[in-house]
Amino acid sequence: MFKGSLVALITPMTPEGKIDERAFQDLVAWQVEEGTQGLVPVGTTGESPTLSHEEHHRVVELCIEAAGGKVPVIAGAGSNSTAEAVALTKHAKKAGADGVLVVTPYYNKPTQEGMYLHFKAVADAADIPVIIYNIPPRSVVDMSVETMARLAQHPNIVGVKDATANLTRPLHTRIACGDDFCQLSGEDHTALAFNAAGGVGCISVTANVAPRLLREMHDSWADGRVKEAQAIQTRLTPLHDAMFCETSPGPVKYAASLLGRGTEFCRLPMAPIAEASKQKVRAAMTGVGLLN
């Protein structure tokens, strides 16, 4: 169900910082039209840390409504509070999401056993596919392959979004968790290399502004047209660089604003990106052909 080019959706906001529901649903509809194969609302890119629970629920519901069943929706449901992650997961199930993305508990620094018990509690709470989100640079903890293999035995835990950028990790995960365990990259730069090591797709930040190109890249790879896939990857690399010239989602929200997809507003403590960063983003988008 989850493969190819998926997008870690931004949450467009008005200049006053309120969720722009129309812009968000227009973004979702455009993503579907452009060929994106999966939608991931209210993750880190969607500014989940600064959304209220009510806003979080609303964005998930808006995404499911706008997607209209055409592509799967994997709702962000992570928290460093197990009870909160369980509640978000139950809401996603009730709202009609096709899966949930649950990040390793940040700040608390749980042990491997703590992470195992956290994800088991989430997976036990609702009959919905769970994707583990392993992103050590943001969460400080790194789920081991051994812990992931234990969790993969749970019928509701179906895969991982791996943002370690460690390209030996998918090799070991495949051995430990089996071929059916869905491995998605969470790192745009290494998406093709990750696929070569056992992955089946990428949950992408860059796909917010270049969905068609990323779909074409993944299709080329899946069809065995490796040189075509590599050529698209090379074309997109400066854009990937620009999307992370400052902490995400600052650059990608500015990039989306250049396409008329909401404003560049991010909620504090995310600051507006610097003028030099704006120039990098604009230049990269022009270079890849997204702007004239």
C-alpha atoms as a PDB file:
ATOM      1  CA  MET A   1       0.000   0.000   0.000  1.00  0.00           C
ATOM      2  CA  PHE A   2       2.778   2.444   0.912  1.00  0.00           C
ATOM      3  CA  LYS A   3       5.416   2.835  -1.795  1.00  0.00           C
ATOM      4  CA  GLY A   4       6.974   5.223  -4.283  1.00  0.00           C
ATOM      5  CA  SER A   5       6.742   8.980  -3.875  1.00  0.00           C
ATOM      6  CA  LEU A   6       4.987  10.098  -0.694  1.00  0.00           C
ATOM      7  CA  VAL A   7       4.916  13.651   0.640  1.00  0.00           C
ATOM      8  CA  ALA A   8       5.452  14.984   4.155  1.00  0.00           C
ATOM      9  CA  LEU A   9       2.848  17.719   3.799  1.00  0.00           C
ATOM     10  CA  ILE A  10       3.340  21.266   4.995  1.00  0.00           C
ATOM     11  CA  THR A  11       0.448  22.916   6.842  1.00  0.00           C
ATOM     12  CA  PRO A  12      -0.247  26.193   5.010  1.00  0.00           C
ATOM     13  CA  MET A  13      -1.098  29.082   7.312  1.00  0.00           C
ATOM     14  CA  THR A  14      -2.432  32.596   6.943  1.00  0.00           C
ATOM     15  CA  PRO A  15      -0.152  35.580   7.641  1.00  0.00           C
ATOM     16  CA  GLU A  16      -1.751  35.661  11.100  1.00  0.00           C
ATOM     17  CA  GLY A  17      -0.757  32.050  11.774  1.00  0.00           C
ATOM     18  CA  LYS A  18      -4.113  30.314  11.430  1.00  0.00           C
ATOM     19  CA  ILE A  19      -4.413  27.112   9.408  1.00  0.00           C
ATOM     20  CA  ASP A  20      -5.398  27.949   5.840  1.00  0.00           C
ATOM     21  CA  GLU A  21      -7.865  25.133   5.208  1.00  0.00           C
ATOM     22  CA  ARG A  22      -8.530  26.044   1.587  1.00  0.00           C
ATOM     23  CA  ALA A  23      -4.830  26.249   0.733  1.00  0.00           C
ATOM     24  CA  PHE A  24      -4.191  22.928   2.468  1.00  0.00           C
ATOM     25  CA  GLN A  25      -6.924  21.070   0.624  1.00  0.00           C
ATOM     26  CA  ASP A  26      -5.855  22.666  -2.661  1.00  0.00           C
ATOM     27  CA  LEU A  27      -2.313  21.428  -1.948  1.00  0.00           C
ATOM     28  CA  VAL A  28      -3.593  17.911  -1.308  1.00  0.00           C
ATOM     29  CA  ALA A  29      -5.659  17.917  -4.511  1.00  0.00           C
ATOM     30  CA  TRP A  30      -2.651  19.163  -6.507  1.00  0.00           C
ATOM     31  CA  GLN A  31      -0.430  16.464  -5.011  1.00  0.00           C
ATOM     32  CA  VAL A  32      -2.887  13.786  -6.112  1.00  0.00           C
ATOM     33  CA  GLU A  33      -3.133  15.289  -9.609  1.00  0.00           C
ATOM     34  CA  GLU A  34       0.666  15.417  -9.908  1.00  0.00           C
ATOM     35  CA  GLY A  35       1.009  11.723  -9.070  1.00  0.00           C
ATOM     36  CA  THR A  36       2.033  11.648  -5.428  1.00  0.00           C
ATOM     37  CA  GLN A  37       1.416   8.121  -4.126  1.00  0.00           C
ATOM     38  CA  GLY A  38       0.838   8.842  -0.445  1.00  0.00           C
ATOM     39  CA  LEU A  39       0.041  11.786   1.813  1.00  0.00           C
ATOM     40  CA  VAL A  40       1.546  12.309   5.262  1.00  0.00           C
ATOM     41  CA  PRO A  41      -0.098  15.204   7.124  1.00  0.00           C
ATOM     42  CA  VAL A  42       0.892  16.608  10.531  1.00  0.00           C
ATOM     43  CA  GLY A  43       4.395  15.260  10.719  1.00  0.00           C
ATOM     44  CA  THR A  44       7.357  17.462  11.548  1.00  0.00           C
ATOM     45  CA  THR A  45       7.072  19.173   8.171  1.00  0.00           C
ATOM     46  CA  GLY A  46       3.424  19.870   9.002  1.00  0.00           C
ATOM     47  CA  GLU A  47       4.480  21.666  12.200  1.00  0.00           C
ATOM     48  CA  SER A  48       2.823  19.139  14.473  1.00  0.00           C
ATOM     49  CA  PRO A  49       4.809  20.349  17.529  1.00  0.00           C
ATOM     50  CA  THR A  50       2.985  23.695  17.463  1.00  0.00           C
ATOM     51  CA  LEU A  51      -0.515  22.556  16.482  1.00  0.00           C
ATOM     52  CA  SER A  52      -3.158  22.120  19.148  1.00  0.00           C
ATOM     53  CA  HIS A  53      -4.830  18.729  19.385  1.00  0.00           C
ATOM     54  CA  GLU A  54      -7.937  20.173  17.778  1.00  0.00           C
ATOM     55  CA  GLU A  55      -5.901  21.599  14.883  1.00  0.00           C
ATOM     56  CA  HIS A  56      -4.043  18.302  14.496  1.00  0.00           C
ATOM     57  CA  HIS A  57      -7.337  16.406  14.241  1.00  0.00           C
ATOM     58  CA  ARG A  58      -8.726  18.940  11.785  1.00  0.00           C
ATOM     59  CA  VAL A  59      -5.737  18.739   9.427  1.00  0.00           C
ATOM     60  CA  VAL A  60      -5.959  14.947   9.334  1.00  0.00           C
ATOM     61  CA  GLU A  61      -9.671  15.151   8.548  1.00  0.00           C
ATOM     62  CA  LEU A  62      -9.124  17.788   5.849  1.00  0.00           C
ATOM     63  CA  CYS A  63      -6.435  15.654   4.209  1.00  0.00           C
ATOM     64  CA  ILE A  64      -8.587  12.523   4.157  1.00  0.00           C
ATOM     65  CA  GLU A  65     -11.519  14.503   2.725  1.00  0.00           C
ATOM     66  CA  ALA A  66      -9.434  16.127  -0.016  1.00  0.00           C
ATOM     67  CA  ALA A  67      -7.660  12.883  -0.930  1.00  0.00           C
ATOM     68  CA  GLY A  68     -11.034  11.248  -1.546  1.00  0.00           C
ATOM     69  CA  GLY A  69      -9.623   7.749  -1.261  1.00  0.00           C
ATOM     70  CA  LYS A  70      -7.453   8.220  -4.356  1.00  0.00           C
ATOM     71  CA  VAL A  71      -4.166   7.747  -2.478  1.00  0.00           C
ATOM     72  CA  PRO A  72      -3.404   6.505   1.046  1.00  0.00           C
ATOM     73  CA  VAL A  73      -3.175   8.943   3.950  1.00  0.00           C
ATOM     74  CA  ILE A  74      -0.652   8.178   6.707  1.00  0.00           C
ATOM     75  CA  ALA A  75      -1.527  10.535   9.549  1.00  0.00           C
ATOM     76  CA  GLY A  76       1.167  11.804  11.857  1.00  0.00           C
ATOM     77  CA  ALA A  77       0.380  10.473  15.332  1.00  0.00           C
ATOM     78  CA  GLY A  78       3.664  10.799  17.171  1.00  0.00           C
ATOM     79  CA  SER A  79       4.330  12.197  20.607  1.00  0.00           C
ATOM     80  CA  ASN A  80       6.815  11.805  23.440  1.00  0.00           C
ATOM     81  CA  SER A  81       3.773  11.016  25.594  1.00  0.00           C
ATOM     82  CA  THR A  82       2.542   7.491  24.955  1.00  0.00           C
ATOM     83  CA  ALA A  83      -0.993   8.411  26.035  1.00  0.00           C
ATOM     84  CA  GLU A  84      -1.044  11.282  23.533  1.00  0.00           C
ATOM     85  CA  ALA A  85       0.302   9.093  20.717  1.00  0.00           C
ATOM     86  CA  VAL A  86      -2.402   6.530  21.501  1.00  0.00           C
ATOM     87  CA  ALA A  87      -5.105   9.214  21.396  1.00  0.00           C
ATOM     88  CA  LEU A  88      -3.850  10.593  18.070  1.00  0.00           C
ATOM     89  CA  THR A  89      -3.723   7.084  16.630  1.00  0.00           C
ATOM     90  CA  LYS A  90      -7.289   6.358  17.715  1.00  0.00           C
ATOM     91  CA  HIS A  91      -8.444   9.602  16.106  1.00  0.00           C
ATOM     92  CA  ALA A  92      -6.644   8.777  12.842  1.00  0.00           C
ATOM     93  CA  LYS A  93      -8.353   5.394  12.734  1.00  0.00           C
ATOM     94  CA  LYS A  94     -11.766   6.942  13.408  1.00  0.00           C
ATOM     95  CA  ALA A  95     -11.199   9.644  10.784  1.00  0.00           C
ATOM     96  CA  GLY A  96     -10.442   7.046   8.121  1.00  0.00           C
ATOM     97  CA  ALA A  97      -6.660   7.276   7.728  1.00  0.00           C
ATOM     98  CA  ASP A  98      -4.918   4.370   6.031  1.00  0.00           C
ATOM     99  CA  GLY A  99      -2.042   4.351   8.486  1.00  0.00           C
ATOM    100  CA  VAL A 100      -0.205   6.362  11.122  1.00  0.00           C
ATOM    101  CA  LEU A 101       3.344   7.638  11.352  1.00  0.00           C
ATOM    102  CA  VAL A 102       4.672   7.504  14.908  1.00  0.00           C
ATOM    103  CA  VAL A 103       8.002   9.093  15.789  1.00  0.00           C
ATOM    104  CA  THR A 104      10.361   7.685  18.379  1.00  0.00           C
ATOM    105  CA  PRO A 105       9.745   9.559  21.665  1.00  0.00           C
ATOM    106  CA  TYR A 106      11.858  12.724  21.613  1.00  0.00           C
ATOM    107  CA  TYR A 107      13.369  14.554  24.608  1.00  0.00           C
ATOM    108  CA  ASN A 108      12.512  11.766  27.104  1.00  0.00           C
ATOM    109  CA  LYS A 109      15.402   9.607  25.785  1.00  0.00           C
ATOM    110  CA  PRO A 110      13.732   6.247  26.444  1.00  0.00           C
ATOM    111  CA  THR A 111      15.713   3.025  26.442  1.00  0.00           C
ATOM    112  CA  GLN A 112      15.214   0.432  23.710  1.00  0.00           C
ATOM    113  CA  GLU A 113      12.769  -1.329  26.031  1.00  0.00           C
ATOM    114  CA  GLY A 114      10.916   1.943  26.573  1.00  0.00           C
ATOM    115  CA  MET A 115      10.613   2.454  22.824  1.00  0.00           C
ATOM    116  CA  TYR A 116       9.391  -1.107  22.388  1.00  0.00           C
ATOM    117  CA  LEU A 117       6.698  -0.653  25.031  1.00  0.00           C
ATOM    118  CA  HIS A 118       5.710   2.761  23.613  1.00  0.00           C
ATOM    119  CA  PHE A 119       5.129   1.424  20.098  1.00  0.00           C
ATOM    120  CA  LYS A 120       3.459  -1.729  21.349  1.00  0.00           C
ATOM    121  CA  ALA A 121       0.971   0.411  23.290  1.00  0.00           C
ATOM    122  CA  VAL A 122       0.245   2.499  20.184  1.00  0.00           C
ATOM    123  CA  ALA A 123      -0.122  -0.559  17.953  1.00  0.00           C
ATOM    124  CA  ASP A 124      -2.405  -2.248  20.481  1.00  0.00           C
ATOM    125  CA  ALA A 125      -4.665   0.821  20.698  1.00  0.00           C
ATOM    126  CA  ALA A 126      -6.187   0.742  17.213  1.00  0.00           C
ATOM    127  CA  ASP A 127      -6.332  -1.668  14.289  1.00  0.00           C
ATOM    128  CA  ILE A 128      -4.443   0.519  11.845  1.00  0.00           C
ATOM    129  CA  PRO A 129      -1.049   0.105  10.121  1.00  0.00           C
ATOM    130  CA  VAL A 130       1.739   1.795  12.085  1.00  0.00           C
ATOM    131  CA  ILE A 131       4.918   3.166  10.499  1.00  0.00           C
ATOM    132  CA  ILE A 132       7.795   3.741  12.924  1.00  0.00           C
ATOM    133  CA  TYR A 133       9.528   7.073  12.325  1.00  0.00           C
ATOM    134  CA  ASN A 134      13.197   6.797  13.269  1.00  0.00           C
ATOM    135  CA  ILE A 135      14.898  10.200  13.100  1.00  0.00           C
ATOM    136  CA  PRO A 136      17.790  10.409  15.582  1.00  0.00           C
ATOM    137  CA  PRO A 137      18.848  13.988  14.699  1.00  0.00           C
ATOM    138  CA  ARG A 138      15.487  15.311  15.946  1.00  0.00           C
ATOM    139  CA  SER A 139      14.480  12.769  18.575  1.00  0.00           C
ATOM    140  CA  VAL A 140      17.979  12.130  20.052  1.00  0.00           C
ATOM    141  CA  VAL A 141      17.192   8.400  20.348  1.00  0.00           C
ATOM    142  CA  ASP A 142      17.893   5.801  17.664  1.00  0.00           C
ATOM    143  CA  MET A 143      15.789   2.652  17.515  1.00  0.00           C
ATOM    144  CA  SER A 144      18.035  -0.349  17.054  1.00  0.00           C
ATOM    145  CA  VAL A 145      17.455  -2.930  14.354  1.00  0.00           C
ATOM    146  CA  GLU A 146      16.896  -5.492  17.107  1.00  0.00           C
ATOM    147  CA  THR A 147      14.103  -3.434  18.687  1.00  0.00           C
ATOM    148  CA  MET A 148      12.528  -2.850  15.285  1.00  0.00           C
ATOM    149  CA  ALA A 149      12.606  -6.575  14.595  1.00  0.00           C
ATOM    150  CA  ARG A 150      10.727  -7.207  17.853  1.00  0.00           C
ATOM    151  CA  LEU A 151       8.120  -4.627  16.898  1.00  0.00           C
ATOM    152  CA  ALA A 152       7.808  -5.992  13.353  1.00  0.00           C
ATOM    153  CA  GLN A 153       6.257  -9.110  14.871  1.00  0.00           C
ATOM    154  CA  HIS A 154       3.217  -7.020  15.870  1.00  0.00           C
ATOM    155  CA  PRO A 155       0.538  -7.376  13.165  1.00  0.00           C
ATOM    156  CA  ASN A 156      -0.176  -3.620  13.112  1.00  0.00           C
ATOM    157  CA  ILE A 157       3.458  -2.470  12.810  1.00  0.00           C
ATOM    158  CA  VAL A 158       4.163  -2.625   9.105  1.00  0.00           C
ATOM    159  CA  GLY A 159       7.213  -0.506   8.369  1.00  0.00           C
ATOM    160  CA  VAL A 160       9.620   2.322   9.066  1.00  0.00           C
ATOM    161  CA  LYS A 161      10.343   5.817   7.850  1.00  0.00           C
ATOM    162  CA  ASP A 162      14.110   5.811   8.153  1.00  0.00           C
ATOM    163  CA  ALA A 163      15.688   9.255   8.405  1.00  0.00           C
ATOM    164  CA  THR A 164      19.063   8.085   9.706  1.00  0.00           C
ATOM    165  CA  ALA A 165      20.778   8.594   6.301  1.00  0.00           C
ATOM    166  CA  ASN A 166      22.694   5.421   7.223  1.00  0.00           C
ATOM    167  CA  LEU A 167      22.558   3.312   4.083  1.00  0.00           C
ATOM    168  CA  THR A 168      23.666   0.135   5.841  1.00  0.00           C
ATOM    169  CA  ARG A 169      20.561   0.340   8.046  1.00  0.00           C
ATOM    170  CA  PRO A 170      17.982  -0.812   5.435  1.00  0.00           C
ATOM    171  CA  LEU A 171      20.170  -3.806   4.620  1.00  0.00           C
ATOM    172  CA  HIS A 172      20.195  -4.983   8.221  1.00  0.00           C
ATOM    173  CA  THR A 173      16.516  -4.077   8.723  1.00  0.00           C
ATOM    174  CA  ARG A 174      15.534  -6.192   5.745  1.00  0.00           C
ATOM    175  CA  ILE A 175      17.406  -9.186   7.154  1.00  0.00           C
ATOM    176  CA  ALA A 176      15.940  -8.691  10.635  1.00  0.00           C
ATOM    177  CA  CYS A 177      12.375  -7.703   9.742  1.00  0.00           C
ATOM    178  CA  GLY A 178      11.791  -9.523   6.457  1.00  0.00           C
ATOM    179  CA  ASP A 179      11.025  -8.503   2.885  1.00  0.00           C
ATOM    180  CA  ASP A 180       7.429  -7.542   3.697  1.00  0.00           C
ATOM    181  CA  PHE A 181       8.452  -4.873   6.236  1.00  0.00           C
ATOM    182  CA  CYS A 182       7.846  -1.573   4.427  1.00  0.00           C
ATOM    183  CA  GLN A 183      11.003   0.550   4.427  1.00  0.00           C
ATOM    184  CA  LEU A 184      10.521   4.188   3.392  1.00  0.00           C
ATOM    185  CA  SER A 185      13.310   6.717   3.306  1.00  0.00           C
ATOM    186  CA  GLY A 186      12.835   9.931   5.244  1.00  0.00           C
ATOM    187  CA  GLU A 187      15.800  11.632   3.633  1.00  0.00           C
ATOM    188  CA  ASP A 188      15.441  13.119   0.157  1.00  0.00           C
ATOM    189  CA  HIS A 189      19.093  13.082  -0.853  1.00  0.00           C
ATOM    190  CA  THR A 190      19.522   9.336  -0.407  1.00  0.00           C
ATOM    191  CA  ALA A 191      16.127   8.102  -1.640  1.00  0.00           C
ATOM    192  CA  LEU A 192      17.426   6.094  -4.605  1.00  0.00           C
ATOM    193  CA  ALA A 193      20.351   4.652  -2.673  1.00  0.00           C
ATOM    194  CA  PHE A 194      17.914   3.683   0.080  1.00  0.00           C
ATOM    195  CA  ASN A 195      15.711   1.905  -2.458  1.00  0.00           C
ATOM    196  CA  ALA A 196      18.744   0.046  -3.754  1.00  0.00           C
ATOM    197  CA  ALA A 197      19.400  -1.177  -0.203  1.00  0.00           C
ATOM    198  CA  GLY A 198      15.888  -2.529   0.309  1.00  0.00           C
ATOM    199  CA  GLY A 199      13.549   0.472   0.438  1.00  0.00           C
ATOM    200  CA  VAL A 200      10.324   0.892  -1.480  1.00  0.00           C
ATOM    201  CA  GLY A 201       9.926   4.677  -1.494  1.00  0.00           C
ATOM    202  CA  CYS A 202      10.441   7.991   0.246  1.00  0.00           C
ATOM    203  CA  ILE A 203       8.366  10.313   2.430  1.00  0.00           C
ATOM    204  CA  SER A 204       9.689  13.518   0.940  1.00  0.00           C
ATOM    205  CA  VAL A 205       9.881  17.180   1.934  1.00  0.00           C
ATOM    206  CA  THR A 206      10.837  18.276  -1.578  1.00  0.00           C
ATOM    207  CA  ALA A 207       7.691  16.629  -2.974  1.00  0.00           C
ATOM    208  CA  ASN A 208       5.713  19.562  -1.565  1.00  0.00           C
ATOM    209  CA  VAL A 209       6.994  21.628  -4.500  1.00  0.00           C
ATOM    210  CA  ALA A 210       8.206  19.052  -7.056  1.00  0.00           C
ATOM    211  CA  PRO A 211       5.682  16.182  -6.827  1.00  0.00           C
ATOM    212  CA  ARG A 212       5.639  15.221 -10.488  1.00  0.00           C
ATOM    213  CA  LEU A 213       9.420  15.009 -10.803  1.00  0.00           C
ATOM    214  CA  LEU A 214       9.673  12.824  -7.726  1.00  0.00           C
ATOM    215  CA  ARG A 215       6.914  10.519  -8.972  1.00  0.00           C
ATOM    216  CA  GLU A 216       8.778  10.226 -12.278  1.00  0.00           C
ATOM    217  CA  MET A 217      12.012   9.422 -10.434  1.00  0.00           C
ATOM    218  CA  HIS A 218      10.412   6.633  -8.412  1.00  0.00           C
ATOM    219  CA  ASP A 219       8.584   5.254 -11.447  1.00  0.00           C
ATOM    220  CA  SER A 220      11.822   5.203 -13.421  1.00  0.00           C
ATOM    221  CA  TRP A 221      13.545   3.328 -10.623  1.00  0.00           C
ATOM    222  CA  ALA A 222      10.709   0.820 -10.238  1.00  0.00           C
ATOM    223  CA  ASP A 223      10.682   0.189 -13.999  1.00  0.00           C
ATOM    224  CA  GLY A 224      14.425  -0.464 -14.073  1.00  0.00           C
ATOM    225  CA  ARG A 225      15.227   2.763 -15.900  1.00  0.00           C
ATOM    226  CA  VAL A 226      18.075   3.457 -13.513  1.00  0.00           C
ATOM    227  CA  LYS A 227      19.897   6.105 -15.549  1.00  0.00           C
ATOM    228  CA  GLU A 228      16.675   8.106 -15.942  1.00  0.00           C
ATOM    229  CA  ALA A 229      16.045   7.914 -12.211  1.00  0.00           C
ATOM    230  CA  GLN A 230      19.603   9.008 -11.489  1.00  0.00           C
ATOM    231  CA  ALA A 231      19.298  11.908 -13.923  1.00  0.00           C
ATOM    232  CA  ILE A 232      16.202  13.186 -12.114  1.00  0.00           C
ATOM    233  CA  GLN A 233      17.952  12.723  -8.773  1.00  0.00           C
ATOM    234  CA  THR A 234      20.891  14.803 -10.007  1.00  0.00           C
ATOM    235  CA  ARG A 235      18.541  17.493 -11.293  1.00  0.00           C
ATOM    236  CA  LEU A 236      16.778  17.649  -7.925  1.00  0.00           C
ATOM    237  CA  THR A 237      19.863  17.601  -5.683  1.00  0.00           C
ATOM    238  CA  PRO A 238      20.309  21.410  -5.560  1.00  0.00           C
ATOM    239  CA  LEU A 239      16.619  21.692  -4.657  1.00  0.00           C
ATOM    240  CA  HIS A 240      17.053  19.137  -1.856  1.00  0.00           C
ATOM    241  CA  ASP A 241      20.002  21.190  -0.636  1.00  0.00           C
ATOM    242  CA  ALA A 242      17.882  24.340  -0.614  1.00  0.00           C
ATOM    243  CA  MET A 243      15.002  22.671   1.242  1.00  0.00           C
ATOM    244  CA  PHE A 244      17.386  22.045   4.135  1.00  0.00           C
ATOM    245  CA  CYS A 245      19.516  25.194   4.016  1.00  0.00           C
ATOM    246  CA  GLU A 246      17.761  26.047   7.299  1.00  0.00           C
ATOM    247  CA  THR A 247      15.679  23.916   9.631  1.00  0.00           C
ATOM    248  CA  SER A 248      12.675  22.426   7.859  1.00  0.00           C
ATOM    249  CA  PRO A 249       9.902  23.399   7.236  1.00  0.00           C
ATOM    250  CA  GLY A 250      11.089  27.013   6.911  1.00  0.00           C
ATOM    251  CA  PRO A 251      12.629  26.691   3.429  1.00  0.00           C
ATOM    252  CA  VAL A 252       9.933  24.432   1.974  1.00  0.00           C
ATOM    253  CA  LYS A 253       7.127  26.705   3.184  1.00  0.00           C
ATOM    254  CA  TYR A 254       8.872  29.639   1.522  1.00  0.00           C
ATOM    255  CA  ALA A 255       9.281  27.523  -1.648  1.00  0.00           C
ATOM    256  CA  ALA A 256       5.597  26.606  -1.590  1.00  0.00           C
ATOM    257  CA  SER A 257       4.656  30.260  -1.183  1.00  0.00           C
ATOM    258  CA  LEU A 258       6.515  31.030  -4.415  1.00  0.00           C
ATOM    259  CA  LEU A 259       4.140  28.587  -6.136  1.00  0.00           C
ATOM    260  CA  GLY A 260       1.090  30.196  -4.535  1.00  0.00           C
ATOM    261  CA  ARG A 261       0.654  27.320  -2.075  1.00  0.00           C
ATOM    262  CA  GLY A 262       0.028  29.310   1.094  1.00  0.00           C
ATOM    263  CA  THR A 263       2.294  31.773   2.855  1.00  0.00           C
ATOM    264  CA  GLU A 264       5.789  31.260   4.187  1.00  0.00           C
ATOM    265  CA  PHE A 265       4.516  31.653   7.776  1.00  0.00           C
ATOM    266  CA  CYS A 266       5.821  29.156  10.337  1.00  0.00           C
ATOM    267  CA  ARG A 267       4.817  29.226  13.982  1.00  0.00           C
ATOM    268  CA  LEU A 268       7.399  30.159  16.577  1.00  0.00           C
ATOM    269  CA  PRO A 269       9.934  29.022  17.554  1.00  0.00           C
ATOM    270  CA  MET A 270      10.493  28.579  13.812  1.00  0.00           C
ATOM    271  CA  ALA A 271      11.783  31.931  12.556  1.00  0.00           C
ATOM    272  CA  PRO A 272      11.350  33.325   9.042  1.00  0.00           C
ATOM    273  CA  ILE A 273      14.268  32.135   6.919  1.00  0.00           C
ATOM    274  CA  ALA A 274      17.070  34.559   6.151  1.00  0.00           C
ATOM    275  CA  GLU A 275      17.203  36.550   2.929  1.00  0.00           C
ATOM    276  CA  ALA A 276      20.261  34.587   1.786  1.00  0.00           C
ATOM    277  CA  SER A 277      18.318  31.364   2.279  1.00  0.00           C
ATOM    278  CA  LYS A 278      15.408  32.747   0.277  1.00  0.00           C
ATOM    279  CA  GLN A 279      17.792  33.461  -2.572  1.00  0.00           C
ATOM    280  CA  LYS A 280      19.082  29.864  -2.430  1.00  0.00           C
ATOM    281  CA  VAL A 281      15.541  28.480  -2.529  1.00  0.00           C
ATOM    282  CA  ARG A 282      14.477  30.714  -5.401  1.00  0.00           C
ATOM    283  CA  ALA A 283      17.626  29.907  -7.387  1.00  0.00           C
ATOM    284  CA  ALA A 284      17.194  26.178  -6.874  1.00  0.00           C
ATOM    285  CA  MET A 285      13.548  26.264  -7.927  1.00  0.00           C
ATOM    286  CA  THR A 286      14.437  28.260 -11.015  1.00  0.00           C
ATOM    287  CA  GLY A 287      17.255  25.858 -11.825  1.00  0.00           C
ATOM    288  CA  VAL A 288      15.013  22.810 -11.681  1.00  0.00           C
ATOM    289  CA  GLY A 289      12.345  24.530 -13.792  1.00  0.00           C
ATOM    290  CA  LEU A 290       9.702  25.154 -11.142  1.00  0.00           C
ATOM    291  CA  LEU A 291       9.940  28.947 -11.551  1.00  0.00           C
ATOM    292  CA  ASN A 292      10.585  31.012 -14.642  1.00  0.00           C
END
